[in-house]
Amino acid sequence: MWSISAPTIAARRAFSLIELLVTVGLVGLLLAIVLPSIQAARSAARKTHCQNNLRQLAIAAQAFH
């Protein structure tokens, strides 16, 4: 037979406001930590790409003369 507490278990599956705010706060904190490092890595990748392009231009100029 069904117990009386069965409907309350089904109603408890949703997040409370506090849980939702904590989750959003943690996601925001993680993004604040990760985004600067991603931007630094992209900047380093751009620098390396530019250096490689300059190196290839120098090699092509030497091969031309």
PDB file of N, CA and C in Angstrom:
ATOM      1  N   MET A   1       0.825  -1.185   0.000  1.00  0.00           N
ATOM      2  CA  MET A   1       0.000   0.000   0.000  1.00  0.00           C
ATOM      3  C   MET A   1       0.876   1.258   0.000  1.00  0.00           C
ATOM      4  N   TRP A   2       0.241   2.333  -0.378  1.00  0.00           N
ATOM      5  CA  TRP A   2       0.963   3.598  -0.437  1.00  0.00           C
ATOM      6  C   TRP A   2       1.051   4.224   0.949  1.00  0.00           C
ATOM      7  N   SER A   3       2.160   4.843   1.220  1.00  0.00           N
ATOM      8  CA  SER A   3       2.292   5.535   2.503  1.00  0.00           C
ATOM      9  C   SER A   3       1.875   6.998   2.341  1.00  0.00           C
ATOM     10  N   ILE A   4       1.677   7.659   3.432  1.00  0.00           N
ATOM     11  CA  ILE A   4       1.240   9.055   3.410  1.00  0.00           C
ATOM     12  C   ILE A   4       2.370   9.978   2.953  1.00  0.00           C
ATOM     13  N   SER A   5       3.620   9.610   3.205  1.00  0.00           N
ATOM     14  CA  SER A   5       4.737  10.494   2.886  1.00  0.00           C
ATOM     15  C   SER A   5       5.157  10.443   1.420  1.00  0.00           C
ATOM     16  N   ALA A   6       4.547   9.617   0.605  1.00  0.00           N
ATOM     17  CA  ALA A   6       4.938   9.503  -0.806  1.00  0.00           C
ATOM     18  C   ALA A   6       4.798  10.813  -1.581  1.00  0.00           C
ATOM     19  N   PRO A   7       3.727  11.598  -1.452  1.00  0.00           N
ATOM     20  CA  PRO A   7       3.643  12.852  -2.209  1.00  0.00           C
ATOM     21  C   PRO A   7       4.712  13.867  -1.811  1.00  0.00           C
ATOM     22  N   THR A   8       5.140  13.866  -0.552  1.00  0.00           N
ATOM     23  CA  THR A   8       6.153  14.834  -0.138  1.00  0.00           C
ATOM     24  C   THR A   8       7.509  14.498  -0.744  1.00  0.00           C
ATOM     25  N   ILE A   9       7.790  13.229  -0.986  1.00  0.00           N
ATOM     26  CA  ILE A   9       9.053  12.849  -1.618  1.00  0.00           C
ATOM     27  C   ILE A   9       9.079  13.344  -3.060  1.00  0.00           C
ATOM     28  N   ALA A  10       7.978  13.219  -3.762  1.00  0.00           N
ATOM     29  CA  ALA A  10       7.912  13.684  -5.147  1.00  0.00           C
ATOM     30  C   ALA A  10       8.027  15.205  -5.214  1.00  0.00           C
ATOM     31  N   ALA A  11       7.501  15.907  -4.242  1.00  0.00           N
ATOM     32  CA  ALA A  11       7.560  17.364  -4.243  1.00  0.00           C
ATOM     33  C   ALA A  11       8.961  17.864  -3.898  1.00  0.00           C
ATOM     34  N   ARG A  12       9.805  17.077  -3.282  1.00  0.00           N
ATOM     35  CA  ARG A  12      11.129  17.494  -2.830  1.00  0.00           C
ATOM     36  C   ARG A  12      12.167  17.443  -3.953  1.00  0.00           C
ATOM     37  N   ARG A  13      11.836  16.979  -5.126  1.00  0.00           N
ATOM     38  CA  ARG A  13      12.820  16.812  -6.191  1.00  0.00           C
ATOM     39  C   ARG A  13      13.306  18.132  -6.775  1.00  0.00           C
ATOM     40  N   ALA A  14      12.631  19.226  -6.557  1.00  0.00           N
ATOM     41  CA  ALA A  14      13.024  20.521  -7.112  1.00  0.00           C
ATOM     42  C   ALA A  14      14.104  21.165  -6.242  1.00  0.00           C
ATOM     43  N   PHE A  15      14.879  22.084  -6.854  1.00  0.00           N
ATOM     44  CA  PHE A  15      15.892  22.824  -6.105  1.00  0.00           C
ATOM     45  C   PHE A  15      15.223  23.914  -5.284  1.00  0.00           C
ATOM     46  N   SER A  16      15.782  24.177  -4.118  1.00  0.00           N
ATOM     47  CA  SER A  16      15.303  25.318  -3.342  1.00  0.00           C
ATOM     48  C   SER A  16      16.017  26.571  -3.850  1.00  0.00           C
ATOM     49  N   LEU A  17      15.540  27.725  -3.441  1.00  0.00           N
ATOM     50  CA  LEU A  17      16.134  28.983  -3.883  1.00  0.00           C
ATOM     51  C   LEU A  17      17.580  29.095  -3.409  1.00  0.00           C
ATOM     52  N   ILE A  18      17.851  28.671  -2.200  1.00  0.00           N
ATOM     53  CA  ILE A  18      19.214  28.730  -1.657  1.00  0.00           C
ATOM     54  C   ILE A  18      20.144  27.839  -2.473  1.00  0.00           C
ATOM     55  N   GLU A  19      19.714  26.624  -2.769  1.00  0.00           N
ATOM     56  CA  GLU A  19      20.546  25.713  -3.562  1.00  0.00           C
ATOM     57  C   GLU A  19      20.818  26.291  -4.945  1.00  0.00           C
ATOM     58  N   LEU A  20      19.827  26.886  -5.537  1.00  0.00           N
ATOM     59  CA  LEU A  20      19.989  27.490  -6.855  1.00  0.00           C
ATOM     60  C   LEU A  20      20.963  28.663  -6.803  1.00  0.00           C
ATOM     61  N   LEU A  21      20.850  29.516  -5.799  1.00  0.00           N
ATOM     62  CA  LEU A  21      21.758  30.657  -5.664  1.00  0.00           C
ATOM     63  C   LEU A  21      23.188  30.209  -5.399  1.00  0.00           C
ATOM     64  N   VAL A  22      23.365  29.193  -4.580  1.00  0.00           N
ATOM     65  CA  VAL A  22      24.707  28.669  -4.314  1.00  0.00           C
ATOM     66  C   VAL A  22      25.309  28.091  -5.587  1.00  0.00           C
ATOM     67  N   THR A  23      24.521  27.368  -6.355  1.00  0.00           N
ATOM     68  CA  THR A  23      25.006  26.782  -7.605  1.00  0.00           C
ATOM     69  C   THR A  23      25.401  27.870  -8.595  1.00  0.00           C
ATOM     70  N   VAL A  24      24.568  28.874  -8.745  1.00  0.00           N
ATOM     71  CA  VAL A  24      24.882  29.980  -9.656  1.00  0.00           C
ATOM     72  C   VAL A  24      26.130  30.717  -9.173  1.00  0.00           C
ATOM     73  N   GLY A  25      26.256  30.906  -7.875  1.00  0.00           N
ATOM     74  CA  GLY A  25      27.440  31.566  -7.320  1.00  0.00           C
ATOM     75  C   GLY A  25      28.707  30.777  -7.573  1.00  0.00           C
ATOM     76  N   LEU A  26      28.642  29.464  -7.407  1.00  0.00           N
ATOM     77  CA  LEU A  26      29.821  28.631  -7.653  1.00  0.00           C
ATOM     78  C   LEU A  26      30.213  28.629  -9.129  1.00  0.00           C
ATOM     79  N   VAL A  27      29.235  28.568  -9.998  1.00  0.00           N
ATOM     80  CA  VAL A  27      29.527  28.618 -11.436  1.00  0.00           C
ATOM     81  C   VAL A  27      30.166  29.961 -11.786  1.00  0.00           C
ATOM     82  N   GLY A  28      29.646  31.038 -11.230  1.00  0.00           N
ATOM     83  CA  GLY A  28      30.231  32.359 -11.463  1.00  0.00           C
ATOM     84  C   GLY A  28      31.651  32.457 -10.944  1.00  0.00           C
ATOM     85  N   LEU A  29      31.903  31.890  -9.780  1.00  0.00           N
ATOM     86  CA  LEU A  29      33.250  31.894  -9.210  1.00  0.00           C
ATOM     87  C   LEU A  29      34.214  31.097 -10.075  1.00  0.00           C
ATOM     88  N   LEU A  30      33.787  29.940 -10.538  1.00  0.00           N
ATOM     89  CA  LEU A  30      34.639  29.139 -11.417  1.00  0.00           C
ATOM     90  C   LEU A  30      34.936  29.868 -12.719  1.00  0.00           C
ATOM     91  N   LEU A  31      33.944  30.523 -13.289  1.00  0.00           N
ATOM     92  CA  LEU A  31      34.175  31.300 -14.511  1.00  0.00           C
ATOM     93  C   LEU A  31      35.148  32.447 -14.260  1.00  0.00           C
ATOM     94  N   ALA A  32      35.025  33.102 -13.115  1.00  0.00           N
ATOM     95  CA  ALA A  32      35.930  34.200 -12.786  1.00  0.00           C
ATOM     96  C   ALA A  32      37.365  33.711 -12.624  1.00  0.00           C
ATOM     97  N   ILE A  33      37.539  32.487 -12.189  1.00  0.00           N
ATOM     98  CA  ILE A  33      38.881  31.924 -12.036  1.00  0.00           C
ATOM     99  C   ILE A  33      39.428  31.453 -13.375  1.00  0.00           C
ATOM    100  N   VAL A  34      38.598  30.836 -14.195  1.00  0.00           N
ATOM    101  CA  VAL A  34      39.061  30.186 -15.424  1.00  0.00           C
ATOM    102  C   VAL A  34      39.246  31.169 -16.581  1.00  0.00           C
ATOM    103  N   LEU A  35      38.368  32.150 -16.725  1.00  0.00           N
ATOM    104  CA  LEU A  35      38.417  33.036 -17.890  1.00  0.00           C
ATOM    105  C   LEU A  35      39.736  33.793 -18.045  1.00  0.00           C
ATOM    106  N   PRO A  36      40.330  34.360 -16.997  1.00  0.00           N
ATOM    107  CA  PRO A  36      41.619  35.031 -17.193  1.00  0.00           C
ATOM    108  C   PRO A  36      42.723  34.091 -17.680  1.00  0.00           C
ATOM    109  N   SER A  37      42.729  32.869 -17.202  1.00  0.00           N
ATOM    110  CA  SER A  37      43.758  31.935 -17.657  1.00  0.00           C
ATOM    111  C   SER A  37      43.531  31.531 -19.108  1.00  0.00           C
ATOM    112  N   ILE A  38      42.273  31.428 -19.517  1.00  0.00           N
ATOM    113  CA  ILE A  38      41.982  31.120 -20.920  1.00  0.00           C
ATOM    114  C   ILE A  38      42.419  32.281 -21.806  1.00  0.00           C
ATOM    115  N   GLN A  39      42.161  33.503 -21.372  1.00  0.00           N
ATOM    116  CA  GLN A  39      42.573  34.666 -22.155  1.00  0.00           C
ATOM    117  C   GLN A  39      44.091  34.756 -22.243  1.00  0.00           C
ATOM    118  N   ALA A  40      44.794  34.423 -21.167  1.00  0.00           N
ATOM    119  CA  ALA A  40      46.257  34.436 -21.199  1.00  0.00           C
ATOM    120  C   ALA A  40      46.784  33.374 -22.158  1.00  0.00           C
ATOM    121  N   ALA A  41      46.165  32.213 -22.171  1.00  0.00           N
ATOM    122  CA  ALA A  41      46.586  31.151 -23.088  1.00  0.00           C
ATOM    123  C   ALA A  41      46.327  31.554 -24.536  1.00  0.00           C
ATOM    124  N   ARG A  42      45.204  32.202 -24.801  1.00  0.00           N
ATOM    125  CA  ARG A  42      44.915  32.658 -26.167  1.00  0.00           C
ATOM    126  C   ARG A  42      45.910  33.725 -26.600  1.00  0.00           C
ATOM    127  N   SER A  43      46.272  34.609 -25.691  1.00  0.00           N
ATOM    128  CA  SER A  43      47.252  35.644 -26.007  1.00  0.00           C
ATOM    129  C   SER A  43      48.616  35.023 -26.310  1.00  0.00           C
ATOM    130  N   ALA A  44      49.009  34.039 -25.531  1.00  0.00           N
ATOM    131  CA  ALA A  44      50.279  33.349 -25.787  1.00  0.00           C
ATOM    132  C   ALA A  44      50.237  32.610 -27.118  1.00  0.00           C
ATOM    133  N   ALA A  45      49.100  32.040 -27.457  1.00  0.00           N
ATOM    134  CA  ALA A  45      48.965  31.337 -28.737  1.00  0.00           C
ATOM    135  C   ALA A  45      49.063  32.317 -29.900  1.00  0.00           C
ATOM    136  N   ARG A  46      48.457  33.499 -29.753  1.00  0.00           N
ATOM    137  CA  ARG A  46      48.564  34.525 -30.806  1.00  0.00           C
ATOM    138  C   ARG A  46      50.010  34.964 -30.989  1.00  0.00           C
ATOM    139  N   LYS A  47      50.718  35.138 -29.875  1.00  0.00           N
ATOM    140  CA  LYS A  47      52.125  35.552 -29.926  1.00  0.00           C
ATOM    141  C   LYS A  47      52.963  34.497 -30.635  1.00  0.00           C
ATOM    142  N   THR A  48      52.760  33.243 -30.301  1.00  0.00           N
ATOM    143  CA  THR A  48      53.502  32.151 -30.937  1.00  0.00           C
ATOM    144  C   THR A  48      53.183  32.071 -32.423  1.00  0.00           C
ATOM    145  N   HIS A  49      51.934  32.242 -32.778  1.00  0.00           N
ATOM    146  CA  HIS A  49      51.528  32.205 -34.185  1.00  0.00           C
ATOM    147  C   HIS A  49      52.205  33.335 -34.967  1.00  0.00           C
ATOM    148  N   CYS A  50      52.247  34.517 -34.383  1.00  0.00           N
ATOM    149  CA  CYS A  50      52.891  35.659 -35.027  1.00  0.00           C
ATOM    150  C   CYS A  50      54.390  35.405 -35.196  1.00  0.00           C
ATOM    151  N   GLN A  51      55.040  34.864 -34.176  1.00  0.00           N
ATOM    152  CA  GLN A  51      56.467  34.555 -34.276  1.00  0.00           C
ATOM    153  C   GLN A  51      56.729  33.528 -35.365  1.00  0.00           C
ATOM    154  N   ASN A  52      55.882  32.532 -35.467  1.00  0.00           N
ATOM    155  CA  ASN A  52      56.048  31.521 -36.511  1.00  0.00           C
ATOM    156  C   ASN A  52      55.851  32.125 -37.897  1.00  0.00           C
ATOM    157  N   ASN A  53      54.895  33.028 -38.042  1.00  0.00           N
ATOM    158  CA  ASN A  53      54.703  33.695 -39.328  1.00  0.00           C
ATOM    159  C   ASN A  53      55.928  34.522 -39.705  1.00  0.00           C
ATOM    160  N   LEU A  54      56.481  35.260 -38.739  1.00  0.00           N
ATOM    161  CA  LEU A  54      57.682  36.049 -39.015  1.00  0.00           C
ATOM    162  C   LEU A  54      58.861  35.151 -39.379  1.00  0.00           C
ATOM    163  N   ARG A  55      58.985  34.028 -38.700  1.00  0.00           N
ATOM    164  CA  ARG A  55      60.061  33.080 -39.007  1.00  0.00           C
ATOM    165  C   ARG A  55      59.906  32.546 -40.431  1.00  0.00           C
ATOM    166  N   GLN A  56      58.689  32.217 -40.812  1.00  0.00           N
ATOM    167  CA  GLN A  56      58.446  31.719 -42.170  1.00  0.00           C
ATOM    168  C   GLN A  56      58.736  32.795 -43.219  1.00  0.00           C
ATOM    169  N   LEU A  57      58.407  34.044 -42.922  1.00  0.00           N
ATOM    170  CA  LEU A  57      58.732  35.135 -43.846  1.00  0.00           C
ATOM    171  C   LEU A  57      60.239  35.302 -43.993  1.00  0.00           C
ATOM    172  N   ALA A  58      60.968  35.190 -42.889  1.00  0.00           N
ATOM    173  CA  ALA A  58      62.430  35.307 -42.952  1.00  0.00           C
ATOM    174  C   ALA A  58      63.029  34.164 -43.761  1.00  0.00           C
ATOM    175  N   ILE A  59      62.532  32.966 -43.581  1.00  0.00           N
ATOM    176  CA  ILE A  59      63.025  31.810 -44.348  1.00  0.00           C
ATOM    177  C   ILE A  59      62.719  32.000 -45.830  1.00  0.00           C
ATOM    178  N   ALA A  60      61.532  32.488 -46.144  1.00  0.00           N
ATOM    179  CA  ALA A  60      61.164  32.714 -47.546  1.00  0.00           C
ATOM    180  C   ALA A  60      62.023  33.809 -48.165  1.00  0.00           C
ATOM    181  N   ALA A  61      62.312  34.870 -47.407  1.00  0.00           N
ATOM    182  CA  ALA A  61      63.152  35.951 -47.924  1.00  0.00           C
ATOM    183  C   ALA A  61      64.570  35.459 -48.181  1.00  0.00           C
ATOM    184  N   GLN A  62      65.100  34.635 -47.283  1.00  0.00           N
ATOM    185  CA  GLN A  62      66.446  34.088 -47.485  1.00  0.00           C
ATOM    186  C   GLN A  62      66.475  33.143 -48.675  1.00  0.00           C
ATOM    187  N   ALA A  63      65.446  32.363 -48.855  1.00  0.00           N
ATOM    188  CA  ALA A  63      65.403  31.423 -49.979  1.00  0.00           C
ATOM    189  C   ALA A  63      65.250  32.167 -51.303  1.00  0.00           C
ATOM    190  N   PHE A  64      64.609  33.338 -51.282  1.00  0.00           N
ATOM    191  CA  PHE A  64      64.396  34.098 -52.510  1.00  0.00           C
ATOM    192  C   PHE A  64      65.697  34.717 -53.001  1.00  0.00           C
ATOM    193  N   HIS A  65      66.551  35.182 -52.060  1.00  0.00           N
ATOM    194  CA  HIS A  65      67.805  35.828 -52.465  1.00  0.00           C
ATOM    195  C   HIS A  65      68.846  34.805 -52.531  1.00  0.00           C
TER     196      HIS A  65
END
